[in-house]
Amino acid sequence: MKELLEYMVKELVDNPDEVQITEEEEGDKTVIFKLKVAENDLGKVIGKKGRTANAIRVVMRAASAKRGKSSIVKIID
């Protein structure tokens, strides 16, 4: 799961080396991914009206559902 998120985000940003993802388990079935990118890449990850961020979250939810879990993606400033 973390690898999928990392791949998607690194393809979007100009500074892929600055992508940081931390993974936290919350309960048995929920995983929280905290995503941190370079300040100048933040707009690319969020997108217009948050559409890119929502698309990333939808893909992660679908991938999590296949594994019987749920996921939350938080973008850290």
Protein backbone atom coordinates (compact mmCIF):
# COMPACT_ATOMS: atom_id res chain seq x y z
CA MET A 1 0.00 0.00 0.00
CA LYS A 2 2.71 2.46 0.98
CA GLU A 3 4.60 1.62 -2.21
CA LEU A 4 1.53 2.40 -4.32
CA LEU A 5 1.09 5.80 -2.69
CA GLU A 6 4.79 6.54 -3.00
CA TYR A 7 4.78 5.64 -6.70
CA MET A 8 1.75 7.82 -7.49
CA VAL A 9 3.09 10.85 -5.63
CA LYS A 10 6.65 10.61 -6.95
CA GLU A 11 5.30 10.63 -10.50
CA LEU A 12 3.43 13.90 -9.82
CA VAL A 13 6.11 16.00 -8.13
CA ASP A 14 9.26 17.75 -9.33
CA ASN A 15 11.31 16.69 -6.27
CA PRO A 16 10.62 12.96 -5.78
CA ASP A 17 13.51 12.66 -3.32
CA GLU A 18 11.66 14.87 -0.84
CA VAL A 19 8.54 12.68 -0.67
CA GLN A 20 8.11 11.28 2.84
CA ILE A 21 5.37 8.86 3.82
CA THR A 22 4.74 7.57 7.31
CA GLU A 23 2.32 4.76 7.98
CA GLU A 24 0.35 4.38 11.20
CA GLU A 25 -1.99 1.55 12.15
CA GLU A 26 -5.18 2.66 13.85
CA GLY A 27 -7.03 -0.36 15.11
CA ASP A 28 -7.06 -3.62 13.20
CA LYS A 29 -8.39 -2.41 9.88
CA THR A 30 -7.42 1.23 9.41
CA VAL A 31 -4.12 2.56 8.14
CA ILE A 32 -3.25 6.27 8.15
CA PHE A 33 -0.70 7.49 5.62
CA LYS A 34 0.87 10.88 6.33
CA LEU A 35 2.31 12.39 3.17
CA LYS A 36 4.87 15.17 3.17
CA VAL A 37 6.27 16.73 -0.02
CA ALA A 38 8.42 19.75 -0.86
CA GLU A 39 6.65 23.06 -0.38
CA ASN A 40 6.71 23.88 -4.11
CA ASP A 41 5.18 20.45 -4.93
CA LEU A 42 2.25 20.79 -2.54
CA GLY A 43 0.00 22.34 -5.18
CA LYS A 44 0.67 19.50 -7.61
CA VAL A 45 -0.32 16.89 -5.06
CA ILE A 46 -3.48 18.74 -4.02
CA GLY A 47 -4.52 19.86 -7.51
CA LYS A 48 -7.25 22.29 -8.52
CA LYS A 49 -10.04 22.27 -5.95
CA GLY A 50 -8.39 19.22 -4.36
CA ARG A 51 -9.17 16.93 -7.28
CA THR A 52 -5.74 15.29 -7.43
CA ALA A 53 -5.72 14.67 -3.67
CA ASN A 54 -9.21 13.18 -3.85
CA ALA A 55 -8.18 10.93 -6.74
CA ILE A 56 -5.19 9.68 -4.74
CA ARG A 57 -7.47 8.97 -1.77
CA VAL A 58 -9.97 7.08 -3.96
CA VAL A 59 -7.26 4.85 -5.41
CA MET A 60 -5.86 4.15 -1.93
CA ARG A 61 -9.34 3.35 -0.55
CA ALA A 62 -9.99 0.93 -3.41
CA ALA A 63 -6.62 -0.79 -2.96
CA SER A 64 -7.23 -1.03 0.80
CA ALA A 65 -10.70 -2.46 0.31
CA LYS A 66 -9.22 -5.32 -1.73
CA ARG A 67 -7.19 -6.21 1.35
CA GLY A 68 -10.12 -5.85 3.74
CA LYS A 69 -8.83 -2.63 5.28
CA SER A 70 -9.51 1.08 5.05
CA SER A 71 -6.98 3.83 4.53
CA ILE A 72 -6.75 7.53 5.20
CA VAL A 73 -4.30 9.78 3.37
CA LYS A 74 -3.33 13.01 5.13
CA ILE A 75 -1.27 15.60 3.32
CA ILE A 76 1.00 17.45 5.74
CA ASP A 77 2.00 21.07 5.02
